[in-house]
Amino acid sequence: MAARVLLHVLLVAPLTFVCSSSTPNPADTPYNVRYVEQYVDNFNFASYGQQTYMQKVLVSDAYWEKREGPIFFYTGNEGPITAFWEASGFVKELAAKFKALLVFAEHRYYGESLPFGNQSFTKENIGLLSVEQAMADYARLMTALRTHLDCKSPDVCPIITFGGSYGGMLSAYMRFKYPNLVAGALAASAPIYLVAGLTEGHQFFQDVTEDFRKSDARCPLKVQSAFVEMEELAAGGQQGLKEISDRLQLCSPLTDKKDLSHLYGWVRNSFTTLAMLDYPYPTDFEAKLPANPVNVACGLILNSSDLLKGLSKAAGLAYNGTDGTLECFDIFDEFVACADPTGCGLGDDSTAWDYQACTEVSLLESTNNMTDMFPPDNYTAEARTEYCRAKYGVTPRPGWMGVQFWGKNILSSSNIIFSNGDLDPWRRGGVLTNVSSSLVAITIEGGAHHLDLRCVMLICLCSVHLWHVKYHIWGGQGASKQFRDGTQSMTYHIISLHMKYHILHMKYHILHMKYHILHMRYHVLHGVRIPMSQYFRYFDTTETTASVVQRGMSAQHT
């Protein structure tokens, strides 16, 4: 199906699609894989001329109303695009409601989208990895899609960008920089202020610590005590380092203070992962984790008779998973320090993110053992510069993201939803309050890193639990429906937005049985906000969705 939709794009050069097979999950939305020909350098006409590379794109027209429905465009971030497809159930659910075409574009230098193949990460070739180059790839793809999908009128096929984390930043940036192409955006867990160097440098790990404190106030204190005990043991020399190694089940013994510092980074990286992925259901997005992994980690620490062994079990969750088979931990294989103190991961994708953290993306986050539970580690601009010059021969430009992407002065944009979970340690680096009537911030209580993109219809049906869900309405009368099992809780803030261009207008409605949420329909608004009370007053399950939608659309013109 998707092959027919994008067949016309074969006529575009160098934006050419080459077909590839994909084996869809029967329980998931089917997609086809395309490889799009993109310029190696979008900006310098002399350096590489017409040289191109193949960008991987996932496309599904399973729900699309041809030449009419919107295009939901996921702005790929630091990893293979298939991983973000699998973690974006909410976007696919919305596509079914809106009859949208789904396009998930992979970011250059990640996954299979390598401009220079296996030579992409050499010092000579990695320089074309930038936010601007990736956005230009997306813009060229969007332009070709609209033209060759026969979406001739500006009133049809509006492009809505979606993304989480760095992808959420890109989603917002595309609306900033290409408003002629992008009608609106959902930027989930997008720390656009933090990466521009506009936030306080200790807040990230303070918020990681706060997530553990919310689980149990004793937990961060025990973690701090474990680090103190390791310091005391290490002061005894090799015998103390050996005891640390044995009790933490390390594959090879620590030999010096440098190794001990790396162990501290290994633990901090794990706890950062657990806080970010503190979902109320099991996941294998970045690691195979249990539901509520912060609670599990705290339980392992608090219930252990040996503090260091408990710390090892808790930190091991991120590396060994819930059913791992590791008998010991190789901290040097499992964790590699980089220019991003919150962690880069492993493999080529981690090299690409490390380079971005060495150039445009500013992540100067430190620990002090006062506002957080980790040993002091003051990560300075000078330390970052020294590392980046040695590894890549580049000098970071700390203020560039603020200049290029508007810093905190984003008022001239519109039609962007910034969502953040209150368990997400990135949240304070993003937009947390409404900037205008169409630059809207939503806080998801009980939500971790871009949980809203993962969930299907905001209920996260992949969980075996039923949760207590509260609906808070922004800017109008509210209503709520609740269901609970006594163990899990989330709160979703739902909003009514005045959107100017052909953007999603989200109409929220409780459907029929078991709290099906969110009946949505996009249309052009004419300067009148539709009160949320027009929708949430209609909870009678005997009323049809069609009648609710019709009444809401009529109210728009009154």
Protein backbone atom coordinates (compact mmCIF):
# COMPACT_ATOMS: atom_id res chain seq x y z
CA MET A 1 0.00 0.00 0.00
CA ALA A 2 2.66 2.50 1.00
CA ALA A 3 4.63 1.60 -2.12
CA ARG A 4 1.81 2.96 -4.29
CA VAL A 5 1.46 6.12 -2.21
CA LEU A 6 5.09 7.12 -2.64
CA LEU A 7 5.67 5.78 -6.12
CA HIS A 8 5.56 9.26 -7.64
CA VAL A 9 8.50 10.35 -5.52
CA LEU A 10 10.72 8.14 -7.68
CA LEU A 11 10.55 10.95 -10.21
CA VAL A 12 12.37 13.35 -7.87
CA ALA A 13 16.14 13.61 -8.01
CA PRO A 14 18.02 13.33 -5.77
CA LEU A 15 15.04 12.60 -3.52
CA THR A 16 14.56 9.05 -4.77
CA PHE A 17 12.88 6.19 -2.89
CA VAL A 18 14.15 2.64 -3.18
CA CYS A 19 11.85 -0.12 -1.98
CA SER A 20 12.81 -2.55 0.77
CA SER A 21 10.84 -5.21 2.57
CA SER A 22 9.72 -5.05 6.19
CA THR A 23 8.10 -7.64 8.38
CA PRO A 24 5.45 -5.82 10.41
CA ASN A 25 4.32 -6.94 13.81
CA PRO A 26 0.77 -8.26 13.28
CA ALA A 27 -0.32 -6.33 16.38
CA ASP A 28 1.24 -3.13 15.10
CA THR A 29 0.58 -0.73 12.27
CA PRO A 30 2.21 -2.07 9.09
CA TYR A 31 4.88 0.00 7.41
CA ASN A 32 7.19 -0.13 4.44
CA VAL A 33 10.85 0.86 4.46
CA ARG A 34 12.08 3.46 1.98
CA TYR A 35 15.56 4.75 1.31
CA VAL A 36 15.53 8.40 0.33
CA GLU A 37 18.37 10.00 -1.60
CA GLN A 38 19.57 13.08 0.27
CA TYR A 39 22.43 15.49 -0.30
CA VAL A 40 25.50 14.75 1.79
CA ASP A 41 25.87 18.51 2.35
CA ASN A 42 22.70 20.58 2.11
CA PHE A 43 24.43 23.93 2.41
CA ASN A 44 27.88 23.96 0.82
CA PHE A 45 27.57 23.68 -2.95
CA ALA A 46 31.31 23.29 -3.49
CA SER A 47 32.31 20.71 -0.88
CA TYR A 48 30.42 17.63 -2.08
CA GLY A 49 28.40 19.03 -4.96
CA GLN A 50 25.64 16.63 -5.92
CA GLN A 51 26.95 13.74 -3.80
CA THR A 52 24.13 11.94 -1.98
CA TYR A 53 23.48 9.31 0.65
CA MET A 54 20.48 7.09 1.41
CA GLN A 55 18.28 8.06 4.34
CA LYS A 56 16.04 5.39 5.87
CA VAL A 57 12.34 6.28 6.15
CA LEU A 58 9.40 4.23 7.46
CA VAL A 59 6.06 4.93 5.77
CA SER A 60 2.54 3.70 6.44
CA ASP A 61 -0.61 4.67 4.56
CA ALA A 62 -2.70 2.13 6.49
CA TYR A 63 -5.03 4.89 7.71
CA TRP A 64 -4.40 7.65 5.21
CA GLU A 65 -7.19 9.44 3.39
CA LYS A 66 -5.34 10.07 0.15
CA ARG A 67 -4.75 13.68 -0.89
CA GLU A 68 -6.77 14.87 2.11
CA GLY A 69 -5.49 13.46 5.40
CA PRO A 70 -2.63 14.99 7.35
CA ILE A 71 0.96 13.78 7.34
CA PHE A 72 2.26 12.78 10.77
CA PHE A 73 6.03 13.17 10.53
CA TYR A 74 8.28 11.78 13.25
CA THR A 75 11.55 13.68 13.39
CA GLY A 76 14.01 10.89 14.09
CA ASN A 77 16.61 11.35 16.79
CA GLU A 78 19.71 9.62 18.15
CA GLY A 79 19.08 6.00 17.18
CA PRO A 80 17.64 3.61 14.60
CA ILE A 81 14.25 4.84 13.39
CA THR A 82 12.65 1.43 13.94
CA ALA A 83 13.17 1.83 17.70
CA PHE A 84 11.20 5.08 17.68
CA TRP A 85 8.48 3.53 15.54
CA GLU A 86 8.04 0.77 18.09
CA ALA A 87 8.00 3.28 20.96
CA SER A 88 5.40 5.64 19.45
CA GLY A 89 2.05 3.90 19.87
CA PHE A 90 0.26 7.18 20.55
CA VAL A 91 1.25 8.63 17.16
CA LYS A 92 -0.08 5.57 15.35
CA GLU A 93 -3.29 5.70 17.35
CA LEU A 94 -3.77 9.34 16.36
CA ALA A 95 -3.05 8.46 12.73
CA ALA A 96 -5.97 6.04 12.77
CA LYS A 97 -8.24 8.74 14.21
CA PHE A 98 -7.11 11.45 11.80
CA LYS A 99 -6.69 9.27 8.71
CA ALA A 100 -3.07 10.36 8.56
CA LEU A 101 -0.06 9.22 6.59
CA LEU A 102 2.75 8.13 8.90
CA VAL A 103 6.31 9.06 8.01
CA PHE A 104 9.19 8.25 10.39
CA ALA A 105 12.47 9.68 9.09
CA GLU A 106 15.83 8.51 10.41
CA HIS A 107 18.37 11.13 11.48
CA ARG A 108 21.58 11.28 9.45
CA TYR A 109 24.53 9.43 11.03
CA TYR A 110 22.20 7.15 13.03
CA GLY A 111 20.91 3.66 12.30
CA GLU A 112 21.39 2.91 8.60
CA SER A 113 21.45 6.54 7.43
CA LEU A 114 25.21 6.95 7.15
CA PRO A 115 26.42 9.57 4.63
CA PHE A 116 29.84 7.89 4.26
CA GLY A 117 28.97 4.30 5.13
CA ASN A 118 31.32 2.71 7.65
CA GLN A 119 33.65 5.71 7.25
CA SER A 120 31.05 8.15 8.53
CA PHE A 121 32.64 8.59 11.96
CA THR A 122 36.15 9.52 10.95
CA LYS A 123 37.31 13.05 11.82
CA GLU A 124 37.22 13.92 8.12
CA ASN A 125 33.61 12.83 7.61
CA ILE A 126 31.72 13.38 10.86
CA GLY A 127 31.60 17.16 10.42
CA LEU A 128 28.38 16.99 8.38
CA LEU A 129 26.50 15.75 11.43
CA SER A 130 24.53 18.71 12.71
CA VAL A 131 21.03 19.67 13.77
CA GLU A 132 20.72 21.97 10.75
CA GLN A 133 21.75 19.29 8.24
CA ALA A 134 19.24 16.81 9.71
CA MET A 135 16.45 19.39 9.59
CA ALA A 136 17.27 20.22 5.98
CA ASP A 137 16.95 16.51 5.15
CA TYR A 138 13.52 16.48 6.76
CA ALA A 139 12.45 19.67 4.98
CA ARG A 140 13.42 18.31 1.57
CA LEU A 141 11.55 15.09 2.28
CA MET A 142 8.44 17.01 3.38
CA THR A 143 8.51 19.15 0.26
CA ALA A 144 8.74 16.13 -2.02
CA LEU A 145 5.98 14.31 -0.13
CA ARG A 146 3.47 17.13 -0.45
CA THR A 147 4.21 17.63 -4.13
CA HIS A 148 4.12 14.02 -5.21
CA LEU A 149 1.30 12.85 -3.00
CA ASP A 150 -0.85 15.29 -4.97
CA CYS A 151 -1.50 17.50 -1.95
CA LYS A 152 -1.73 20.61 -4.10
CA SER A 153 -3.90 22.83 -1.95
CA PRO A 154 -2.50 24.33 1.28
CA ASP A 155 -5.77 23.28 2.91
CA VAL A 156 -4.99 19.57 2.63
CA CYS A 157 -2.30 17.20 3.93
CA PRO A 158 -0.99 19.46 6.73
CA ILE A 159 2.26 18.19 8.18
CA ILE A 160 2.34 17.72 11.95
CA THR A 161 5.71 16.84 13.46
CA PHE A 162 6.09 14.52 16.43
CA GLY A 163 9.15 13.67 18.45
CA GLY A 164 10.44 12.77 21.89
CA SER A 165 13.59 13.95 23.70
CA TYR A 166 16.05 15.17 21.05
CA GLY A 167 13.39 14.22 18.50
CA GLY A 168 10.97 16.47 20.39
CA MET A 169 13.47 19.31 20.10
CA LEU A 170 13.66 18.69 16.36
CA SER A 171 9.88 18.59 16.13
CA ALA A 172 9.66 22.08 17.67
CA TYR A 173 12.65 23.36 15.69
CA MET A 174 11.02 22.31 12.43
CA ARG A 175 8.01 24.46 13.31
CA PHE A 176 10.37 27.33 14.23
CA LYS A 177 12.44 27.15 11.07
CA TYR A 178 10.08 25.73 8.45
CA PRO A 179 6.59 27.07 9.30
CA ASN A 180 5.80 26.99 5.58
CA LEU A 181 6.05 23.19 5.74
CA VAL A 182 5.10 22.32 9.31
CA ALA A 183 1.64 23.31 10.53
CA GLY A 184 2.13 22.25 14.13
CA ALA A 185 4.18 20.08 16.45
CA LEU A 186 4.07 17.85 19.49
CA ALA A 187 7.42 18.18 21.28
CA ALA A 188 7.51 15.56 24.02
CA SER A 189 10.20 15.80 26.71
CA ALA A 190 12.09 18.35 24.64
CA PRO A 191 14.77 20.14 26.74
CA ILE A 192 15.20 23.06 24.33
CA TYR A 193 16.34 25.44 27.08
CA LEU A 194 18.83 23.05 28.68
CA VAL A 195 20.70 22.22 25.45
CA ALA A 196 21.01 25.94 24.74
CA GLY A 197 22.84 26.37 28.05
CA LEU A 198 19.99 28.38 29.60
CA THR A 199 19.34 26.31 32.73
CA GLU A 200 21.16 25.71 36.00
CA GLY A 201 23.88 23.06 35.67
CA HIS A 202 22.96 20.82 38.63
CA GLN A 203 19.27 20.36 38.04
CA PHE A 204 19.32 17.20 35.92
CA PHE A 205 20.93 14.94 38.52
CA GLN A 206 19.00 16.70 41.25
CA ASP A 207 15.84 15.56 39.47
CA VAL A 208 17.18 12.03 39.02
CA THR A 209 17.69 11.99 42.78
CA GLU A 210 14.23 13.41 43.39
CA ASP A 211 12.68 10.53 41.42
CA PHE A 212 14.35 8.08 43.81
CA ARG A 213 13.28 10.17 46.79
CA LYS A 214 9.67 10.06 45.58
CA SER A 215 9.89 6.29 45.61
CA ASP A 216 11.26 6.18 49.15
CA ALA A 217 12.87 9.05 51.09
CA ARG A 218 15.45 6.59 52.49
CA CYS A 219 16.64 5.53 49.03
CA PRO A 220 18.90 8.50 48.08
CA LEU A 221 20.39 8.46 51.58
CA LYS A 222 21.33 4.80 51.19
CA VAL A 223 22.88 5.52 47.78
CA GLN A 224 24.93 8.34 49.28
CA SER A 225 26.01 6.02 52.11
CA ALA A 226 27.14 3.43 49.56
CA PHE A 227 29.36 5.96 47.83
CA VAL A 228 30.80 7.05 51.19
CA GLU A 229 31.59 3.43 52.04
CA MET A 230 33.36 2.97 48.70
CA GLU A 231 35.45 6.10 49.32
CA GLU A 232 36.46 4.78 52.72
CA LEU A 233 37.39 1.38 51.31
CA ALA A 234 39.34 2.92 48.43
CA ALA A 235 41.39 4.92 50.92
CA GLY A 236 42.80 1.58 52.09
CA GLY A 237 44.51 0.95 48.75
CA GLN A 238 44.40 -2.19 46.62
CA GLN A 239 42.75 -4.32 49.28
CA GLY A 240 39.89 -1.85 49.57
CA LEU A 241 39.49 -1.62 45.78
CA LYS A 242 39.37 -5.41 45.59
CA GLU A 243 36.64 -5.53 48.23
CA ILE A 244 34.60 -2.98 46.28
CA SER A 245 35.08 -5.03 43.11
CA ASP A 246 34.01 -8.26 44.82
CA ARG A 247 30.93 -6.87 46.53
CA LEU A 248 29.74 -5.08 43.36
CA GLN A 249 30.35 -8.25 41.30
CA LEU A 250 32.76 -6.64 38.85
CA CYS A 251 34.35 -8.88 36.22
CA SER A 252 37.80 -7.39 36.83
CA PRO A 253 39.09 -5.63 39.93
CA LEU A 254 39.47 -1.89 40.16
CA THR A 255 43.12 -0.88 40.13
CA ASP A 256 43.17 2.84 40.94
CA LYS A 257 41.07 5.93 41.66
CA LYS A 258 40.47 6.45 37.95
CA ASP A 259 38.76 3.07 37.78
CA LEU A 260 36.73 3.99 40.85
CA SER A 261 35.57 7.21 39.17
CA HIS A 262 34.50 5.17 36.14
CA LEU A 263 32.52 2.87 38.46
CA TYR A 264 30.76 5.93 39.87
CA GLY A 265 29.87 6.96 36.31
CA TRP A 266 28.60 3.44 35.62
CA VAL A 267 26.26 3.64 38.63
CA ARG A 268 25.11 7.18 37.81
CA ASN A 269 24.43 6.23 34.20
CA SER A 270 22.26 3.33 35.33
CA PHE A 271 20.23 5.42 37.75
CA THR A 272 19.77 8.07 35.07
CA THR A 273 18.39 5.41 32.73
CA LEU A 274 16.05 4.08 35.42
CA ALA A 275 14.70 7.56 36.14
CA MET A 276 14.15 8.39 32.47
CA LEU A 277 12.46 5.06 31.76
CA ASP A 278 10.42 4.90 34.96
CA TYR A 279 7.36 3.67 33.12
CA PRO A 280 4.45 1.94 34.88
CA TYR A 281 4.85 -1.16 32.73
CA PRO A 282 7.78 -3.37 31.61
CA THR A 283 9.79 -2.05 28.67
CA ASP A 284 12.80 -2.90 26.54
CA PHE A 285 13.21 0.50 24.85
CA GLU A 286 16.82 1.09 25.98
CA ALA A 287 17.06 -1.72 28.51
CA LYS A 288 14.80 -4.58 29.49
CA LEU A 289 13.29 -3.11 32.62
CA PRO A 290 10.47 -4.02 34.98
CA ALA A 291 7.49 -1.80 35.63
CA ASN A 292 8.38 1.15 37.87
CA PRO A 293 12.12 0.41 37.79
CA VAL A 294 12.97 3.17 40.28
CA ASN A 295 10.74 1.48 42.85
CA VAL A 296 12.38 -1.85 42.07
CA ALA A 297 15.89 -0.39 42.34
CA CYS A 298 15.10 1.25 45.67
CA GLY A 299 13.68 -2.02 46.95
CA LEU A 300 16.88 -3.85 46.02
CA ILE A 301 18.95 -1.27 47.88
CA LEU A 302 16.78 -0.96 50.97
CA ASN A 303 16.19 -4.69 51.37
CA SER A 304 19.81 -5.76 51.03
CA SER A 305 21.85 -6.57 54.12
CA ASP A 306 25.00 -5.52 52.22
CA LEU A 307 24.77 -1.93 51.00
CA LEU A 308 27.24 -2.34 48.14
CA LYS A 309 25.67 -5.57 46.93
CA GLY A 310 22.28 -3.86 46.97
CA LEU A 311 23.72 -0.97 44.96
CA SER A 312 25.17 -3.45 42.47
CA LYS A 313 21.82 -5.18 42.00
CA ALA A 314 20.03 -1.86 41.56
CA ALA A 315 22.53 -0.44 39.08
CA GLY A 316 22.64 -3.78 37.30
CA LEU A 317 19.00 -3.41 36.26
CA ALA A 318 20.01 -1.10 33.40
CA TYR A 319 22.78 -3.42 32.18
CA ASN A 320 21.47 -6.91 32.94
CA GLY A 321 17.73 -6.30 32.64
CA THR A 322 15.01 -8.26 34.35
CA ASP A 323 16.06 -11.63 32.97
CA GLY A 324 19.74 -11.04 32.29
CA THR A 325 22.35 -13.75 32.43
CA LEU A 326 25.40 -11.69 33.37
CA GLU A 327 27.34 -13.26 36.22
CA CYS A 328 29.48 -10.15 36.65
CA PHE A 329 29.59 -6.57 35.38
CA ASP A 330 32.20 -5.31 32.93
CA ILE A 331 31.87 -1.61 33.70
CA PHE A 332 34.24 -0.59 30.90
CA ASP A 333 32.25 -2.41 28.22
CA GLU A 334 28.85 -1.45 29.61
CA PHE A 335 29.52 2.24 30.12
CA VAL A 336 31.69 4.63 28.10
CA ALA A 337 32.11 8.19 29.34
CA CYS A 338 31.48 10.91 26.75
CA ALA A 339 30.75 14.62 26.28
CA ASP A 340 27.21 14.09 27.57
CA PRO A 341 27.36 13.39 31.33
CA THR A 342 23.82 11.97 31.21
CA GLY A 343 25.15 9.18 28.96
CA CYS A 344 25.69 8.48 25.26
CA GLY A 345 25.11 4.74 25.12
CA LEU A 346 27.28 2.38 23.08
CA GLY A 347 28.25 1.77 19.46
CA ASP A 348 28.16 4.08 16.45
CA ASP A 349 24.99 5.85 17.60
CA SER A 350 26.78 6.82 20.81
CA THR A 351 29.69 8.19 18.78
CA ALA A 352 27.30 10.33 16.76
CA TRP A 353 25.63 11.72 19.90
CA ASP A 354 29.01 12.27 21.54
CA TYR A 355 30.02 14.40 18.53
CA GLN A 356 26.81 16.41 18.71
CA ALA A 357 27.47 17.00 22.43
CA CYS A 358 30.93 18.21 21.41
CA THR A 359 29.63 20.76 18.92
CA GLU A 360 26.13 22.25 19.20
CA VAL A 361 24.29 20.44 21.98
CA SER A 362 25.35 21.82 25.38
CA LEU A 363 24.95 19.36 28.26
CA LEU A 364 27.07 20.75 31.09
CA GLU A 365 25.37 18.88 33.92
CA SER A 366 27.28 18.28 37.14
CA THR A 367 26.83 16.54 40.50
CA ASN A 368 27.66 17.97 43.94
CA ASN A 369 26.44 15.36 46.50
CA MET A 370 24.35 18.06 48.18
CA THR A 371 21.36 18.55 45.90
CA ASP A 372 21.88 15.06 44.43
CA MET A 373 22.94 11.63 45.67
CA PHE A 374 26.06 11.22 43.52
CA PRO A 375 29.74 11.94 44.23
CA PRO A 376 30.86 15.46 43.27
CA ASP A 377 31.74 15.77 39.58
CA ASN A 378 32.01 19.33 38.29
CA TYR A 379 31.72 19.04 34.50
CA THR A 380 32.97 22.35 33.18
CA ALA A 381 33.05 23.98 29.75
CA GLU A 382 36.84 23.70 29.89
CA ALA A 383 36.72 19.96 30.53
CA ARG A 384 34.28 19.51 27.66
CA THR A 385 36.49 21.52 25.31
CA GLU A 386 39.60 19.55 26.24
CA TYR A 387 37.82 16.24 25.63
CA CYS A 388 36.27 17.30 22.32
CA ARG A 389 39.48 18.72 20.89
CA ALA A 390 41.34 15.53 21.75
CA LYS A 391 38.72 13.16 20.35
CA TYR A 392 37.31 14.99 17.33
CA GLY A 393 39.53 18.03 16.80
CA VAL A 394 36.55 20.37 17.39
CA THR A 395 35.79 23.14 19.86
CA PRO A 396 32.22 23.35 21.22
CA ARG A 397 30.15 26.47 20.60
CA PRO A 398 28.15 26.72 23.85
CA GLY A 399 25.84 29.55 22.81
CA TRP A 400 25.02 28.44 19.30
CA MET A 401 21.82 26.52 20.02
CA GLY A 402 20.40 29.59 21.75
CA VAL A 403 21.21 31.76 18.74
CA GLN A 404 20.09 29.33 16.07
CA PHE A 405 16.93 28.11 17.81
CA TRP A 406 15.79 31.28 19.58
CA GLY A 407 16.81 30.58 23.17
CA LYS A 408 13.82 31.34 25.39
CA ASN A 409 12.38 33.92 23.02
CA ILE A 410 10.03 31.56 21.17
CA LEU A 411 6.91 33.71 21.31
CA SER A 412 6.92 34.39 17.57
CA SER A 413 6.21 30.71 16.88
CA SER A 414 2.85 28.99 17.31
CA ASN A 415 1.00 25.68 17.27
CA ILE A 416 3.36 23.64 19.44
CA ILE A 417 2.48 21.41 22.37
CA PHE A 418 5.36 20.91 24.83
CA SER A 419 4.67 17.88 27.03
CA ASN A 420 6.78 16.78 29.99
CA GLY A 421 6.35 14.12 32.65
CA ASP A 422 6.95 15.13 36.24
CA LEU A 423 9.17 12.05 36.73
CA ASP A 424 11.38 12.97 33.78
CA PRO A 425 14.75 14.41 34.85
CA TRP A 426 14.84 16.39 31.59
CA ARG A 427 11.61 18.25 32.31
CA ARG A 428 13.10 21.42 33.83
CA GLY A 429 15.19 21.85 30.71
CA GLY A 430 12.05 22.32 28.62
CA VAL A 431 8.98 24.52 28.33
CA LEU A 432 6.89 24.09 31.49
CA THR A 433 4.46 27.01 31.27
CA ASN A 434 2.27 28.29 28.47
CA VAL A 435 4.07 30.84 26.32
CA SER A 436 0.96 31.82 24.37
CA SER A 437 -2.46 30.44 23.54
CA SER A 438 -0.90 28.13 20.96
CA LEU A 439 2.49 27.45 22.58
CA VAL A 440 1.17 25.24 25.32
CA ALA A 441 2.89 23.28 28.08
CA ILE A 442 1.43 20.08 29.53
CA THR A 443 2.75 18.32 32.63
CA ILE A 444 1.96 14.62 32.93
CA GLU A 445 1.86 13.56 36.56
CA GLY A 446 3.46 10.17 37.00
CA GLY A 447 4.98 10.41 33.51
CA ALA A 448 8.61 9.57 32.70
CA HIS A 449 10.59 10.44 29.56
CA HIS A 450 8.16 11.00 26.63
CA LEU A 451 5.69 8.53 28.12
CA ASP A 452 2.86 10.23 26.20
CA LEU A 453 4.31 9.19 22.83
CA ARG A 454 4.61 5.58 23.94
CA CYS A 455 1.08 5.23 25.27
CA VAL A 456 -1.85 4.10 23.20
CA MET A 457 -4.81 6.41 23.76
CA LEU A 458 -3.18 7.69 26.95
CA ILE A 459 -4.02 4.52 28.84
CA CYS A 460 -0.78 2.65 28.01
CA LEU A 461 -2.60 -0.51 27.07
CA CYS A 462 0.68 -2.42 27.02
CA SER A 463 0.54 -2.48 30.81
CA VAL A 464 -1.19 -5.30 32.61
CA HIS A 465 -2.42 -2.79 35.19
CA LEU A 466 -5.35 -0.44 35.20
CA TRP A 467 -4.31 2.95 36.44
CA HIS A 468 -6.01 5.74 38.26
CA VAL A 469 -6.23 8.40 35.54
CA LYS A 470 -7.29 11.98 36.22
CA TYR A 471 -8.11 14.42 33.49
CA HIS A 472 -7.24 18.05 34.19
CA ILE A 473 -8.53 20.50 31.64
CA TRP A 474 -6.42 23.53 30.77
CA GLY A 475 -8.27 26.79 30.25
CA GLY A 476 -11.86 25.83 30.98
CA GLN A 477 -14.24 23.62 32.91
CA GLY A 478 -12.94 20.24 33.84
CA ALA A 479 -14.27 16.76 34.31
CA SER A 480 -12.66 13.57 35.42
CA LYS A 481 -13.09 9.86 35.20
CA GLN A 482 -11.16 7.55 37.42
CA PHE A 483 -10.29 3.92 37.59
CA ARG A 484 -7.75 2.34 39.87
CA ASP A 485 -6.06 -0.79 41.10
CA GLY A 486 -4.50 0.92 44.09
CA THR A 487 -0.91 0.65 42.86
CA GLN A 488 -0.40 2.90 39.84
CA SER A 489 -1.28 6.51 39.16
CA MET A 490 -0.95 9.01 36.34
CA THR A 491 -2.50 12.33 35.56
CA TYR A 492 -2.92 13.63 32.07
CA HIS A 493 -3.44 17.30 31.42
CA ILE A 494 -5.64 17.85 28.40
CA ILE A 495 -6.00 21.11 26.58
CA SER A 496 -8.03 23.00 24.08
CA LEU A 497 -5.85 24.90 21.66
CA HIS A 498 -6.48 27.74 19.26
CA MET A 499 -4.45 26.72 16.19
CA LYS A 500 -4.14 29.12 13.23
CA TYR A 501 -2.76 27.14 10.30
CA HIS A 502 -4.03 23.72 9.29
CA ILE A 503 -3.04 22.14 12.59
CA LEU A 504 -4.47 19.43 14.74
CA HIS A 505 -7.35 20.59 16.84
CA MET A 506 -7.57 18.01 19.55
CA LYS A 507 -11.10 17.11 20.63
CA TYR A 508 -11.11 14.91 23.65
CA HIS A 509 -14.06 12.61 24.28
CA ILE A 510 -14.67 9.57 26.41
CA LEU A 511 -15.83 6.81 24.08
CA HIS A 512 -18.36 4.13 25.02
CA MET A 513 -16.64 1.42 27.14
CA LYS A 514 -13.72 1.27 29.58
CA TYR A 515 -12.64 4.87 29.22
CA HIS A 516 -11.53 5.03 25.64
CA ILE A 517 -10.11 8.53 25.42
CA LEU A 518 -9.48 11.22 22.87
CA HIS A 519 -11.67 11.48 19.87
CA MET A 520 -9.63 13.88 17.75
CA ARG A 521 -10.27 15.68 14.52
CA TYR A 522 -8.22 18.41 12.82
CA HIS A 523 -9.63 21.43 11.02
CA VAL A 524 -8.90 25.11 10.48
CA LEU A 525 -10.04 27.33 13.30
CA HIS A 526 -11.28 30.82 12.64
CA GLY A 527 -10.16 32.74 15.66
CA VAL A 528 -12.47 31.06 18.16
CA ARG A 529 -11.32 28.67 20.87
CA ILE A 530 -13.60 25.70 21.47
CA PRO A 531 -14.17 25.31 25.23
CA MET A 532 -13.23 21.91 26.56
CA SER A 533 -16.54 21.86 28.38
CA GLN A 534 -18.17 21.37 24.98
CA TYR A 535 -16.57 17.93 24.92
CA PHE A 536 -16.25 16.69 28.47
CA ARG A 537 -19.86 17.36 29.38
CA TYR A 538 -20.86 14.54 27.02
CA PHE A 539 -19.99 11.39 28.93
CA ASP A 540 -23.22 9.59 28.15
CA THR A 541 -22.04 6.37 26.53
CA THR A 542 -25.23 6.11 24.51
CA GLU A 543 -24.34 9.19 22.52
CA THR A 544 -22.51 8.62 19.26
CA THR A 545 -19.08 10.03 18.55
CA ALA A 546 -20.40 11.63 15.39
CA SER A 547 -22.98 13.71 17.25
CA VAL A 548 -20.36 14.94 19.73
CA VAL A 549 -18.00 15.96 16.95
CA GLN A 550 -20.76 17.71 15.04
CA ARG A 551 -21.87 19.67 18.11
CA GLY A 552 -18.26 20.67 18.85
CA MET A 553 -17.68 21.89 15.30
CA SER A 554 -20.89 23.87 15.40
CA ALA A 555 -19.84 25.51 18.67
CA GLN A 556 -16.65 26.70 16.98
CA HIS A 557 -18.60 29.14 14.80
CA THR A 558 -20.85 30.56 17.50
